[in-house]
C-alpha atoms as a PDB file:
ATOM      1  CA  UNK A   1      60.154  17.771  40.250  1.00  0.00           C
ATOM      2  CA  UNK A   2      56.781  16.135  40.973  1.00  0.00           C
ATOM      3  CA  UNK A   3      56.764  12.388  40.374  1.00  0.00           C
ATOM      4  CA  UNK A   4      54.492  11.168  37.589  1.00  0.00           C
ATOM      5  CA  UNK A   5      51.569   8.912  38.454  1.00  0.00           C
ATOM      6  CA  UNK A   6      48.678   7.119  36.715  1.00  0.00           C
ATOM      7  CA  UNK A   7      50.759   6.492  33.594  1.00  0.00           C
ATOM      8  CA  UNK A   8      50.154   2.739  33.383  1.00  0.00           C
ATOM      9  CA  UNK A   9      46.443   3.293  32.724  1.00  0.00           C
ATOM     10  CA  UNK A  10      47.344   5.507  29.764  1.00  0.00           C
ATOM     11  CA  UNK A  11      49.784   2.907  28.405  1.00  0.00           C
ATOM     12  CA  UNK A  12      47.325  -0.007  28.499  1.00  0.00           C
ATOM     13  CA  UNK A  13      44.402   2.025  27.137  1.00  0.00           C
ATOM     14  CA  UNK A  14      43.107   0.334  23.972  1.00  0.00           C
ATOM     15  CA  UNK A  15      43.338   3.527  21.898  1.00  0.00           C
ATOM     16  CA  UNK A  16      46.994   3.939  22.903  1.00  0.00           C
ATOM     17  CA  UNK A  17      47.716   0.302  21.992  1.00  0.00           C
ATOM     18  CA  UNK A  18      46.030   0.838  18.610  1.00  0.00           C
ATOM     19  CA  UNK A  19      48.197   3.904  17.887  1.00  0.00           C
ATOM     20  CA  UNK A  20      51.256   1.978  19.097  1.00  0.00           C
ATOM     21  CA  UNK A  21      50.435  -0.755  16.574  1.00  0.00           C
ATOM     22  CA  UNK A  22      50.195   1.818  13.755  1.00  0.00           C
ATOM     23  CA  UNK A  23      53.616   3.231  14.699  1.00  0.00           C
ATOM     24  CA  UNK A  24      55.222  -0.204  15.055  1.00  0.00           C
ATOM     25  CA  UNK A  25      54.073  -1.343  11.600  1.00  0.00           C
ATOM     26  CA  UNK A  26      55.293   1.766   9.701  1.00  0.00           C
ATOM     27  CA  UNK A  27      57.469   0.670   6.793  1.00  0.00           C
ATOM     28  CA  UNK A  28      56.941  -3.001   7.735  1.00  0.00           C
ATOM     29  CA  UNK A  29      53.287  -3.631   6.826  1.00  0.00           C
ATOM     30  CA  UNK A  30      53.979  -6.546   4.494  1.00  0.00           C
ATOM     31  CA  UNK A  31      56.408  -8.476   6.668  1.00  0.00           C
ATOM     32  CA  UNK A  32      55.205 -11.921   7.686  1.00  0.00           C
ATOM     33  CA  UNK A  33      54.930 -11.359  11.450  1.00  0.00           C
ATOM     34  CA  UNK A  34      53.201  -7.992  10.936  1.00  0.00           C
ATOM     35  CA  UNK A  35      50.651  -9.495   8.520  1.00  0.00           C
ATOM     36  CA  UNK A  36      50.025 -12.338  10.956  1.00  0.00           C
ATOM     37  CA  UNK A  37      49.474  -9.913  13.852  1.00  0.00           C
ATOM     38  CA  UNK A  38      47.250  -7.678  11.697  1.00  0.00           C
ATOM     39  CA  UNK A  39      45.027 -10.561  10.569  1.00  0.00           C
ATOM     40  CA  UNK A  40      43.713 -10.862  14.151  1.00  0.00           C
ATOM     41  CA  UNK A  41      44.410  -7.294  15.175  1.00  0.00           C
ATOM     42  CA  UNK A  42      41.649  -6.639  17.699  1.00  0.00           C
ATOM     43  CA  UNK A  43      42.168 -10.003  19.363  1.00  0.00           C
ATOM     44  CA  UNK A  44      45.950  -9.469  19.585  1.00  0.00           C
ATOM     45  CA  UNK A  45      45.620  -5.955  21.027  1.00  0.00           C
ATOM     46  CA  UNK A  46      43.110  -7.166  23.625  1.00  0.00           C
ATOM     47  CA  UNK A  47      45.498 -10.002  24.510  1.00  0.00           C
ATOM     48  CA  UNK A  48      48.330  -7.485  25.060  1.00  0.00           C
ATOM     49  CA  UNK A  49      45.986  -5.329  27.138  1.00  0.00           C
ATOM     50  CA  UNK A  50      44.905  -8.262  29.315  1.00  0.00           C
ATOM     51  CA  UNK A  51      48.484  -9.481  29.795  1.00  0.00           C
ATOM     52  CA  UNK A  52      49.473  -5.995  30.987  1.00  0.00           C
ATOM     53  CA  UNK A  53      46.405  -5.645  33.222  1.00  0.00           C
ATOM     54  CA  UNK A  54      46.956  -9.019  34.925  1.00  0.00           C
ATOM     55  CA  UNK A  55      50.773  -8.802  34.741  1.00  0.00           C
ATOM     56  CA  UNK A  56      51.142 -12.042  32.798  1.00  0.00           C
ATOM     57  CA  UNK A  57      53.056 -10.297  29.997  1.00  0.00           C
ATOM     58  CA  UNK A  58      56.365 -11.945  29.123  1.00  0.00           C
ATOM     59  CA  UNK A  59      58.901 -10.473  26.705  1.00  0.00           C
ATOM     60  CA  UNK A  60      59.500 -12.462  23.523  1.00  0.00           C
ATOM     61  CA  UNK A  61      62.790 -13.878  22.356  1.00  0.00           C
ATOM     62  CA  UNK A  62      65.366 -11.437  20.979  1.00  0.00           C
ATOM     63  CA  UNK A  63      66.736 -11.991  17.477  1.00  0.00           C
ATOM     64  CA  UNK A  64      70.426 -11.054  17.443  1.00  0.00           C
ATOM     65  CA  UNK A  65      72.532  -9.874  14.503  1.00  0.00           C
ATOM     66  CA  UNK A  66      75.449  -7.539  13.798  1.00  0.00           C
ATOM     67  CA  UNK A  67      75.833  -4.414  11.691  1.00  0.00           C
ATOM     68  CA  UNK A  68      79.170  -3.006  10.586  1.00  0.00           C
ATOM     69  CA  UNK A  69      78.493   0.717  10.035  1.00  0.00           C
ATOM     70  CA  UNK A  70      80.843   2.267  10.979  1.00  0.00           C
ATOM     71  CA  UNK A  71      82.022  -0.396  13.451  1.00  0.00           C
ATOM     72  CA  UNK A  72      80.664  -3.749  14.543  1.00  0.00           C
ATOM     73  CA  UNK A  73      77.562  -3.413  16.698  1.00  0.00           C
ATOM     74  CA  UNK A  74      75.285  -5.970  18.287  1.00  0.00           C
ATOM     75  CA  UNK A  75      71.616  -5.380  17.406  1.00  0.00           C
ATOM     76  CA  UNK A  76      68.774  -7.123  19.240  1.00  0.00           C
ATOM     77  CA  UNK A  77      65.293  -7.176  17.750  1.00  0.00           C
ATOM     78  CA  UNK A  78      62.050  -8.153  19.494  1.00  0.00           C
ATOM     79  CA  UNK A  79      58.980  -9.839  17.956  1.00  0.00           C
ATOM     80  CA  UNK A  80      56.323  -7.478  16.584  1.00  0.00           C
ATOM     81  CA  UNK A  81      54.003  -7.922  19.576  1.00  0.00           C
ATOM     82  CA  UNK A  82      56.722  -6.628  21.914  1.00  0.00           C
ATOM     83  CA  UNK A  83      57.458  -3.706  19.616  1.00  0.00           C
ATOM     84  CA  UNK A  84      53.806  -2.675  19.979  1.00  0.00           C
ATOM     85  CA  UNK A  85      54.246  -2.711  23.774  1.00  0.00           C
ATOM     86  CA  UNK A  86      57.429  -0.627  23.446  1.00  0.00           C
ATOM     87  CA  UNK A  87      55.604   1.952  21.328  1.00  0.00           C
ATOM     88  CA  UNK A  88      52.756   2.083  23.861  1.00  0.00           C
ATOM     89  CA  UNK A  89      55.260   2.913  26.608  1.00  0.00           C
ATOM     90  CA  UNK A  90      57.204   5.364  24.447  1.00  0.00           C
ATOM     91  CA  UNK A  91      54.124   7.348  23.388  1.00  0.00           C
ATOM     92  CA  UNK A  92      53.185   8.035  27.020  1.00  0.00           C
ATOM     93  CA  UNK A  93      56.638   8.550  28.590  1.00  0.00           C
ATOM     94  CA  UNK A  94      58.521  10.422  25.846  1.00  0.00           C
ATOM     95  CA  UNK A  95      56.625  13.759  26.159  1.00  0.00           C
ATOM     96  CA  UNK A  96      57.204  13.860  29.933  1.00  0.00           C
ATOM     97  CA  UNK A  97      60.901  13.023  29.712  1.00  0.00           C
ATOM     98  CA  UNK A  98      61.594  15.260  26.720  1.00  0.00           C
ATOM     99  CA  UNK A  99      60.506  18.344  28.679  1.00  0.00           C
ATOM    100  CA  UNK A 100      63.258  17.606  31.192  1.00  0.00           C
ATOM    101  CA  UNK A 101      66.055  17.451  28.605  1.00  0.00           C
ATOM    102  CA  UNK A 102      68.297  20.430  27.844  1.00  0.00           C
ATOM    103  CA  UNK A 103      67.745  22.197  24.511  1.00  0.00           C
ATOM    104  CA  UNK A 104      71.237  21.227  23.287  1.00  0.00           C
ATOM    105  CA  UNK A 105      70.619  17.464  23.515  1.00  0.00           C
ATOM    106  CA  UNK A 106      70.001  16.487  19.899  1.00  0.00           C
ATOM    107  CA  UNK A 107      69.579  12.703  19.510  1.00  0.00           C
ATOM    108  CA  UNK A 108      66.228  10.925  18.994  1.00  0.00           C
ATOM    109  CA  UNK A 109      64.133  14.043  19.644  1.00  0.00           C
ATOM    110  CA  UNK A 110      61.469  15.772  17.563  1.00  0.00           C
ATOM    111  CA  UNK A 111      62.770  18.900  15.841  1.00  0.00           C
ATOM    112  CA  UNK A 112      66.380  18.012  16.661  1.00  0.00           C
ATOM    113  CA  UNK A 113      69.000  15.881  14.892  1.00  0.00           C
ATOM    114  CA  UNK A 114      72.559  15.774  13.593  1.00  0.00           C
ATOM    115  CA  UNK A 115      72.214  18.769  11.260  1.00  0.00           C
ATOM    116  CA  UNK A 116      70.889  20.992  14.043  1.00  0.00           C
ATOM    117  CA  UNK A 117      73.684  19.768  16.336  1.00  0.00           C
ATOM    118  CA  UNK A 118      76.380  20.580  13.762  1.00  0.00           C
ATOM    119  CA  UNK A 119      74.931  24.047  13.095  1.00  0.00           C
ATOM    120  CA  UNK A 120      74.758  24.799  16.821  1.00  0.00           C
ATOM    121  CA  UNK A 121      78.432  23.883  17.350  1.00  0.00           C
ATOM    122  CA  UNK A 122      79.454  25.959  14.326  1.00  0.00           C
ATOM    123  CA  UNK A 123      77.519  28.933  15.729  1.00  0.00           C
ATOM    124  CA  UNK A 124      79.414  28.666  19.033  1.00  0.00           C
ATOM    125  CA  UNK A 125      82.794  28.489  17.286  1.00  0.00           C
ATOM    126  CA  UNK A 126      81.939  31.688  15.403  1.00  0.00           C
ATOM    127  CA  UNK A 127      80.844  33.413  18.619  1.00  0.00           C
ATOM    128  CA  UNK A 128      84.131  32.623  20.377  1.00  0.00           C
ATOM    129  CA  UNK A 129      86.198  33.606  17.316  1.00  0.00           C
ATOM    130  CA  UNK A 130      84.417  36.976  17.145  1.00  0.00           C
ATOM    131  CA  UNK A 131      85.813  37.807  20.591  1.00  0.00           C
ATOM    132  CA  UNK A 132      89.325  37.522  19.133  1.00  0.00           C
ATOM    133  CA  UNK A 133      90.113  34.409  21.199  1.00  0.00           C
ATOM    134  CA  UNK A 134      91.390  31.098  19.861  1.00  0.00           C
ATOM    135  CA  UNK A 135      88.659  28.504  20.479  1.00  0.00           C
ATOM    136  CA  UNK A 136      89.341  24.938  21.594  1.00  0.00           C
ATOM    137  CA  UNK A 137      86.966  22.014  21.776  1.00  0.00           C
ATOM    138  CA  UNK A 138      86.614  19.103  24.161  1.00  0.00           C
ATOM    139  CA  UNK A 139      85.235  16.023  22.397  1.00  0.00           C
ATOM    140  CA  UNK A 140      83.971  13.229  24.676  1.00  0.00           C
ATOM    141  CA  UNK A 141      82.713   9.784  23.776  1.00  0.00           C
ATOM    142  CA  UNK A 142      81.475   7.150  26.237  1.00  0.00           C
ATOM    143  CA  UNK A 143      82.991   3.695  25.887  1.00  0.00           C
ATOM    144  CA  UNK A 144      80.399   1.091  24.726  1.00  0.00           C
ATOM    145  CA  UNK A 145      77.613   3.302  26.005  1.00  0.00           C
ATOM    146  CA  UNK A 146      74.461   1.277  25.351  1.00  0.00           C
ATOM    147  CA  UNK A 147      76.117  -1.952  26.498  1.00  0.00           C
ATOM    148  CA  UNK A 148      77.351  -0.411  29.786  1.00  0.00           C
ATOM    149  CA  UNK A 149      74.286   1.411  31.189  1.00  0.00           C
ATOM    150  CA  UNK A 150      73.879   0.259  34.787  1.00  0.00           C
ATOM    151  CA  UNK A 151      70.422  -1.191  35.471  1.00  0.00           C
ATOM    152  CA  UNK A 152      70.182  -0.185  39.122  1.00  0.00           C
ATOM    153  CA  UNK A 153      71.303   3.384  38.408  1.00  0.00           C
ATOM    154  CA  UNK A 154      68.699   3.635  35.617  1.00  0.00           C
ATOM    155  CA  UNK A 155      65.904   2.147  37.740  1.00  0.00           C
ATOM    156  CA  UNK A 156      66.765   4.575  40.533  1.00  0.00           C
ATOM    157  CA  UNK A 157      66.432   7.483  38.072  1.00  0.00           C
ATOM    158  CA  UNK A 158      63.059   6.187  36.898  1.00  0.00           C
ATOM    159  CA  UNK A 159      61.802   5.715  40.461  1.00  0.00           C
ATOM    160  CA  UNK A 160      62.669   9.344  41.232  1.00  0.00           C
ATOM    161  CA  UNK A 161      60.471  10.414  38.320  1.00  0.00           C
ATOM    162  CA  UNK A 162      57.648   7.851  38.290  1.00  0.00           C
ATOM    163  CA  UNK A 163      55.137   7.191  41.082  1.00  0.00           C
ATOM    164  CA  UNK A 164      53.421   4.184  39.538  1.00  0.00           C
ATOM    165  CA  UNK A 165      54.198   0.674  40.806  1.00  0.00           C
ATOM    166  CA  UNK A 166      52.518  -1.037  37.834  1.00  0.00           C
ATOM    167  CA  UNK A 167      54.602   0.908  35.334  1.00  0.00           C
ATOM    168  CA  UNK A 168      57.804   0.303  37.302  1.00  0.00           C
ATOM    169  CA  UNK A 169      57.011  -3.450  37.183  1.00  0.00           C
ATOM    170  CA  UNK A 170      56.844  -3.295  33.373  1.00  0.00           C
ATOM    171  CA  UNK A 171      59.941  -1.100  32.963  1.00  0.00           C
ATOM    172  CA  UNK A 172      61.988  -3.326  35.267  1.00  0.00           C
ATOM    173  CA  UNK A 173      60.892  -6.390  33.260  1.00  0.00           C
ATOM    174  CA  UNK A 174      62.172  -4.738  30.057  1.00  0.00           C
ATOM    175  CA  UNK A 175      65.405  -3.389  31.566  1.00  0.00           C
ATOM    176  CA  UNK A 176      66.378  -6.449  33.625  1.00  0.00           C
ATOM    177  CA  UNK A 177      65.569  -9.240  31.211  1.00  0.00           C
ATOM    178  CA  UNK A 178      65.468 -12.663  32.893  1.00  0.00           C
ATOM    179  CA  UNK A 179      66.382 -14.596  29.752  1.00  0.00           C
ATOM    180  CA  UNK A 180      69.247 -12.645  28.214  1.00  0.00           C
ATOM    181  CA  UNK A 181      72.099 -10.417  29.395  1.00  0.00           C
ATOM    182  CA  UNK A 182      72.841  -7.177  27.556  1.00  0.00           C
ATOM    183  CA  UNK A 183      76.167  -6.095  29.104  1.00  0.00           C
ATOM    184  CA  UNK A 184      79.371  -6.359  27.074  1.00  0.00           C
ATOM    185  CA  UNK A 185      82.974  -6.236  28.433  1.00  0.00           C
ATOM    186  CA  UNK A 186      84.789  -3.006  27.548  1.00  0.00           C
ATOM    187  CA  UNK A 187      87.457  -4.674  25.417  1.00  0.00           C
ATOM    188  CA  UNK A 188      85.130  -7.134  23.679  1.00  0.00           C
ATOM    189  CA  UNK A 189      84.945  -5.357  20.313  1.00  0.00           C
ATOM    190  CA  UNK A 190      83.850  -8.504  18.444  1.00  0.00           C
ATOM    191  CA  UNK A 191      81.073  -9.443  20.918  1.00  0.00           C
ATOM    192  CA  UNK A 192      82.535 -12.903  21.466  1.00  0.00           C
ATOM    193  CA  UNK A 193      82.818 -12.998  25.278  1.00  0.00           C
ATOM    194  CA  UNK A 194      80.107 -13.872  27.818  1.00  0.00           C
ATOM    195  CA  UNK A 195      77.595 -11.114  28.428  1.00  0.00           C
ATOM    196  CA  UNK A 196      77.395  -9.309  31.751  1.00  0.00           C
ATOM    197  CA  UNK A 197      74.312  -9.290  33.973  1.00  0.00           C
ATOM    198  CA  UNK A 198      72.981  -6.048  35.448  1.00  0.00           C
ATOM    199  CA  UNK A 199      74.009  -3.684  32.678  1.00  0.00           C
ATOM    200  CA  UNK A 200      73.320  -2.787  29.068  1.00  0.00           C
ATOM    201  CA  UNK A 201      70.435  -1.695  26.874  1.00  0.00           C
ATOM    202  CA  UNK A 202      69.662  -3.641  23.675  1.00  0.00           C
ATOM    203  CA  UNK A 203      70.289  -1.513  20.585  1.00  0.00           C
ATOM    204  CA  UNK A 204      67.097  -2.088  18.619  1.00  0.00           C
ATOM    205  CA  UNK A 205      64.573  -1.413  21.401  1.00  0.00           C
ATOM    206  CA  UNK A 206      62.610   1.830  21.140  1.00  0.00           C
ATOM    207  CA  UNK A 207      62.679   2.206  24.927  1.00  0.00           C
ATOM    208  CA  UNK A 208      66.486   1.915  24.858  1.00  0.00           C
ATOM    209  CA  UNK A 209      66.716   5.229  22.971  1.00  0.00           C
ATOM    210  CA  UNK A 210      64.523   6.949  25.556  1.00  0.00           C
ATOM    211  CA  UNK A 211      66.315   5.421  28.561  1.00  0.00           C
ATOM    212  CA  UNK A 212      69.745   6.191  27.055  1.00  0.00           C
ATOM    213  CA  UNK A 213      68.814   9.862  26.639  1.00  0.00           C
ATOM    214  CA  UNK A 214      67.397   9.963  30.147  1.00  0.00           C
ATOM    215  CA  UNK A 215      70.546   8.350  31.597  1.00  0.00           C
ATOM    216  CA  UNK A 216      72.957  10.944  30.186  1.00  0.00           C
ATOM    217  CA  UNK A 217      70.527  13.762  30.931  1.00  0.00           C
ATOM    218  CA  UNK A 218      71.994  13.474  34.432  1.00  0.00           C
ATOM    219  CA  UNK A 219      75.364  14.468  32.950  1.00  0.00           C
ATOM    220  CA  UNK A 220      73.722  17.272  30.943  1.00  0.00           C
ATOM    221  CA  UNK A 221      72.210  18.751  34.113  1.00  0.00           C
ATOM    222  CA  UNK A 222      75.544  18.445  35.942  1.00  0.00           C
ATOM    223  CA  UNK A 223      77.463  20.183  33.132  1.00  0.00           C
ATOM    224  CA  UNK A 224      74.914  22.974  32.616  1.00  0.00           C
ATOM    225  CA  UNK A 225      73.891  23.701  36.206  1.00  0.00           C
ATOM    226  CA  UNK A 226      76.809  22.590  38.387  1.00  0.00           C
ATOM    227  CA  UNK A 227      79.735  23.373  36.096  1.00  0.00           C
ATOM    228  CA  UNK A 228      77.857  26.291  34.429  1.00  0.00           C
ATOM    229  CA  UNK A 229      79.100  25.383  30.947  1.00  0.00           C
ATOM    230  CA  UNK A 230      77.522  27.493  28.214  1.00  0.00           C
ATOM    231  CA  UNK A 231      78.670  25.893  24.956  1.00  0.00           C
ATOM    232  CA  UNK A 232      77.879  22.211  25.506  1.00  0.00           C
ATOM    233  CA  UNK A 233      76.114  19.881  23.048  1.00  0.00           C
ATOM    234  CA  UNK A 234      75.292  16.183  23.250  1.00  0.00           C
ATOM    235  CA  UNK A 235      74.187  13.714  20.602  1.00  0.00           C
ATOM    236  CA  UNK A 236      73.472  10.504  22.531  1.00  0.00           C
ATOM    237  CA  UNK A 237      76.912   9.550  23.953  1.00  0.00           C
ATOM    238  CA  UNK A 238      78.954  12.066  21.892  1.00  0.00           C
ATOM    239  CA  UNK A 239      79.593  15.396  23.613  1.00  0.00           C
ATOM    240  CA  UNK A 240      81.303  18.616  22.541  1.00  0.00           C
ATOM    241  CA  UNK A 241      82.254  21.684  24.582  1.00  0.00           C
ATOM    242  CA  UNK A 242      83.642  24.888  23.030  1.00  0.00           C
ATOM    243  CA  UNK A 243      85.843  27.218  25.124  1.00  0.00           C
ATOM    244  CA  UNK A 244      88.692  29.677  24.627  1.00  0.00           C
ATOM    245  CA  UNK A 245      90.645  28.316  27.604  1.00  0.00           C
ATOM    246  CA  UNK A 246      92.396  24.961  27.146  1.00  0.00           C
ATOM    247  CA  UNK A 247      93.189  24.623  30.860  1.00  0.00           C
ATOM    248  CA  UNK A 248      89.545  25.218  31.695  1.00  0.00           C
ATOM    249  CA  UNK A 249      88.572  22.396  29.322  1.00  0.00           C
ATOM    250  CA  UNK A 250      91.024  20.081  31.079  1.00  0.00           C
ATOM    251  CA  UNK A 251      89.378  20.876  34.416  1.00  0.00           C
ATOM    252  CA  UNK A 252      85.908  20.332  32.918  1.00  0.00           C
ATOM    253  CA  UNK A 253      87.021  16.987  31.497  1.00  0.00           C
ATOM    254  CA  UNK A 254      88.263  15.887  34.919  1.00  0.00           C
ATOM    255  CA  UNK A 255      84.925  16.820  36.553  1.00  0.00           C
ATOM    256  CA  UNK A 256      82.908  15.078  33.842  1.00  0.00           C
ATOM    257  CA  UNK A 257      85.055  11.966  34.030  1.00  0.00           C
ATOM    258  CA  UNK A 258      84.554  11.708  37.806  1.00  0.00           C
ATOM    259  CA  UNK A 259      80.798  12.225  37.485  1.00  0.00           C
ATOM    260  CA  UNK A 260      80.520   9.553  34.803  1.00  0.00           C
ATOM    261  CA  UNK A 261      82.640   7.064  36.767  1.00  0.00           C
ATOM    262  CA  UNK A 262      81.037   7.433  40.183  1.00  0.00           C
ATOM    263  CA  UNK A 263      77.468   8.566  39.482  1.00  0.00           C
ATOM    264  CA  UNK A 264      76.709   6.801  36.210  1.00  0.00           C
ATOM    265  CA  UNK A 265      79.319   3.979  36.271  1.00  0.00           C
ATOM    266  CA  UNK A 266      80.532   4.809  32.756  1.00  0.00           C
ATOM    267  CA  UNK A 267      83.971   5.401  31.251  1.00  0.00           C
ATOM    268  CA  UNK A 268      85.124   7.754  28.515  1.00  0.00           C
ATOM    269  CA  UNK A 269      86.967   6.095  25.649  1.00  0.00           C
ATOM    270  CA  UNK A 270      90.324   6.961  24.111  1.00  0.00           C
ATOM    271  CA  UNK A 271      88.760   9.214  21.451  1.00  0.00           C
ATOM    272  CA  UNK A 272      88.194  11.841  24.146  1.00  0.00           C
ATOM    273  CA  UNK A 273      90.516  14.789  23.411  1.00  0.00           C
ATOM    274  CA  UNK A 274      91.023  18.568  23.541  1.00  0.00           C
ATOM    275  CA  UNK A 275      92.063  20.266  20.292  1.00  0.00           C
ATOM    276  CA  UNK A 276      91.901  23.689  18.601  1.00  0.00           C
ATOM    277  CA  UNK A 277      88.702  24.155  16.605  1.00  0.00           C
ATOM    278  CA  UNK A 278      90.931  25.208  13.689  1.00  0.00           C
ATOM    279  CA  UNK A 279      91.612  21.444  13.274  1.00  0.00           C
ATOM    280  CA  UNK A 280      87.886  20.929  12.681  1.00  0.00           C
ATOM    281  CA  UNK A 281      85.395  19.587  15.231  1.00  0.00           C
ATOM    282  CA  UNK A 282      84.549  15.938  14.552  1.00  0.00           C
ATOM    283  CA  UNK A 283      80.863  15.652  15.512  1.00  0.00           C
ATOM    284  CA  UNK A 284      77.659  13.959  14.259  1.00  0.00           C
ATOM    285  CA  UNK A 285      79.099  12.856  10.921  1.00  0.00           C
ATOM    286  CA  UNK A 286      80.567  16.276  10.083  1.00  0.00           C
ATOM    287  CA  UNK A 287      83.915  17.985  10.433  1.00  0.00           C
ATOM    288  CA  UNK A 288      83.027  21.505  11.509  1.00  0.00           C
ATOM    289  CA  UNK A 289      84.877  24.819  11.174  1.00  0.00           C
ATOM    290  CA  UNK A 290      83.568  28.333  11.701  1.00  0.00           C
ATOM    291  CA  UNK A 291      83.582  28.933   7.938  1.00  0.00           C
ATOM    292  CA  UNK A 292      82.290  25.611   6.587  1.00  0.00           C
ATOM    293  CA  UNK A 293      81.330  21.988   7.290  1.00  0.00           C
ATOM    294  CA  UNK A 294      82.476  18.833   5.524  1.00  0.00           C
ATOM    295  CA  UNK A 295      81.223  15.281   5.740  1.00  0.00           C
ATOM    296  CA  UNK A 296      83.563  12.969   7.632  1.00  0.00           C
ATOM    297  CA  UNK A 297      85.477  10.491   5.492  1.00  0.00           C
ATOM    298  CA  UNK A 298      83.772   7.627   7.344  1.00  0.00           C
ATOM    299  CA  UNK A 299      80.366   9.108   6.523  1.00  0.00           C
ATOM    300  CA  UNK A 300      81.229   9.403   2.818  1.00  0.00           C
ATOM    301  CA  UNK A 301      82.584   5.839   2.767  1.00  0.00           C
ATOM    302  CA  UNK A 302      79.394   4.542   4.395  1.00  0.00           C
ATOM    303  CA  UNK A 303      77.244   6.385   1.834  1.00  0.00           C
ATOM    304  CA  UNK A 304      79.208   5.031  -1.125  1.00  0.00           C
ATOM    305  CA  UNK A 305      79.018   1.488   0.229  1.00  0.00           C
ATOM    306  CA  UNK A 306      75.258   1.739   0.749  1.00  0.00           C
ATOM    307  CA  UNK A 307      74.622   3.181  -2.722  1.00  0.00           C
ATOM    308  CA  UNK A 308      76.732   0.460  -4.330  1.00  0.00           C
ATOM    309  CA  UNK A 309      74.738  -2.192  -2.501  1.00  0.00           C
ATOM    310  CA  UNK A 310      71.429  -0.635  -3.623  1.00  0.00           C
ATOM    311  CA  UNK A 311      72.595  -0.577  -7.248  1.00  0.00           C
ATOM    312  CA  UNK A 312      73.409  -4.294  -7.159  1.00  0.00           C
ATOM    313  CA  UNK A 313      70.245  -5.182  -5.234  1.00  0.00           C
ATOM    314  CA  UNK A 314      68.101  -3.255  -7.731  1.00  0.00           C
ATOM    315  CA  UNK A 315      69.845  -4.974 -10.656  1.00  0.00           C
ATOM    316  CA  UNK A 316      69.022  -8.372  -9.099  1.00  0.00           C
ATOM    317  CA  UNK A 317      65.396  -7.333  -8.555  1.00  0.00           C
ATOM    318  CA  UNK A 318      65.711  -7.493  -4.753  1.00  0.00           C
ATOM    319  CA  UNK A 319      64.612  -3.893  -4.079  1.00  0.00           C
ATOM    320  CA  UNK A 320      62.223  -1.504  -5.793  1.00  0.00           C
ATOM    321  CA  UNK A 321      62.687   2.168  -6.580  1.00  0.00           C
ATOM    322  CA  UNK A 322      60.317   3.283  -3.796  1.00  0.00           C
ATOM    323  CA  UNK A 323      62.627   1.604  -1.259  1.00  0.00           C
ATOM    324  CA  UNK A 324      65.665   3.424  -2.663  1.00  0.00           C
ATOM    325  CA  UNK A 325      64.154   6.915  -2.786  1.00  0.00           C
ATOM    326  CA  UNK A 326      64.200   7.512   1.026  1.00  0.00           C
ATOM    327  CA  UNK A 327      67.942   6.700   1.169  1.00  0.00           C
ATOM    328  CA  UNK A 328      68.705   9.128  -1.677  1.00  0.00           C
ATOM    329  CA  UNK A 329      66.549  11.825  -0.042  1.00  0.00           C
ATOM    330  CA  UNK A 330      68.330  11.288   3.283  1.00  0.00           C
ATOM    331  CA  UNK A 331      71.795  11.589   1.701  1.00  0.00           C
ATOM    332  CA  UNK A 332      70.814  14.697  -0.297  1.00  0.00           C
ATOM    333  CA  UNK A 333      69.480  16.268   2.889  1.00  0.00           C
ATOM    334  CA  UNK A 334      72.730  15.503   4.703  1.00  0.00           C
ATOM    335  CA  UNK A 335      74.911  16.877   1.882  1.00  0.00           C
ATOM    336  CA  UNK A 336      72.797  20.023   1.693  1.00  0.00           C
ATOM    337  CA  UNK A 337      74.183  20.986   5.098  1.00  0.00           C
ATOM    338  CA  UNK A 338      77.837  20.445   4.133  1.00  0.00           C
ATOM    339  CA  UNK A 339      80.229  21.932   1.582  1.00  0.00           C
ATOM    340  CA  UNK A 340      80.383  18.987  -0.785  1.00  0.00           C
ATOM    341  CA  UNK A 341      79.046  20.006  -4.205  1.00  0.00           C
ATOM    342  CA  UNK A 342      81.643  17.920  -6.089  1.00  0.00           C
ATOM    343  CA  UNK A 343      80.922  14.865  -3.958  1.00  0.00           C
ATOM    344  CA  UNK A 344      77.163  15.187  -4.506  1.00  0.00           C
ATOM    345  CA  UNK A 345      77.610  15.534  -8.292  1.00  0.00           C
ATOM    346  CA  UNK A 346      79.881  12.479  -8.457  1.00  0.00           C
ATOM    347  CA  UNK A 347      77.601  10.297  -6.316  1.00  0.00           C
ATOM    348  CA  UNK A 348      74.535  11.154  -8.386  1.00  0.00           C
ATOM    349  CA  UNK A 349      76.343  10.699 -11.702  1.00  0.00           C
ATOM    350  CA  UNK A 350      77.675   7.296 -10.621  1.00  0.00           C
ATOM    351  CA  UNK A 351      74.330   6.109  -9.235  1.00  0.00           C
ATOM    352  CA  UNK A 352      72.657   4.609 -12.315  1.00  0.00           C
ATOM    353  CA  UNK A 353      69.972   1.958 -11.795  1.00  0.00           C
ATOM    354  CA  UNK A 354      69.636  -0.827 -14.361  1.00  0.00           C
ATOM    355  CA  UNK A 355      67.816  -4.134 -14.075  1.00  0.00           C
ATOM    356  CA  UNK A 356      69.900  -7.245 -14.692  1.00  0.00           C
ATOM    357  CA  UNK A 357      73.207  -5.352 -14.925  1.00  0.00           C
ATOM    358  CA  UNK A 358      74.994  -7.319 -12.178  1.00  0.00           C
END
């Protein structure tokens, strides 16, 4: 493929920075740092532009916190100014990279998503069953994926695709932060040990999503074009393959494991397994059979916990109805694609909003 050039000029163009600002502020217009940036908008955008032109741009300090859904994760958030820069990069690079991805890669892409991924896997199970064979599935999951992406491997991928020294300077600055390490030891589930230099992408950066998809696109191309696997789907670092031959899946797993270890410096975790699809395929928040789909128990538990929190927060006057509506719409959309009428009825009946009730 031809290497991409003259991208940096597009990124630092004032119109692109303006659109990046509009994207970065969505849903956050009234936060303090956004209001402060917006009060001197033109001046701040010109400052970003000049810092990028003269290469004096320095990344701000990360704010670190943890989320616990479904397991403990380390999240790292940049100041608003840096999020504008990330959007400026993303808007230019994403269309180029997206065209290189396989159609059955479903995470963080326009027109894709978890529901499309679940439907695609269900369609494949039905196809194999119609042949009279007993389908099996290989479920793979990379261990601590975002925290273990190798910086030099990623930069090498980017250099093979981008012929623009100015842009590579900026991308390397973001990937190889001088002030903070992103890598986490494999067994450090509580994020208490010292971080590791030379690896990891901060969950919370917009560019991390794009780089993470690009990184495992190498595996996608290997599986589709070298191994010639037909029924393969990926949602970020979760992968599923459907086949009617269990031994064949074992051989595929061995090839994938070697590729991940030696080419991408990643390891599969202990959730990786081969099972009959009659047990249900655990993928993207669903448990999938040829005849129906159910929400995973963890997904239901997460929904109930979130709704309970919103009820209490609304009662205390901490959130308004307009902030709750998107969550309800999201959950209804998710349940629409699963067989869970009773669950939906119960959740809606139990979700009553009253001020001052808690």
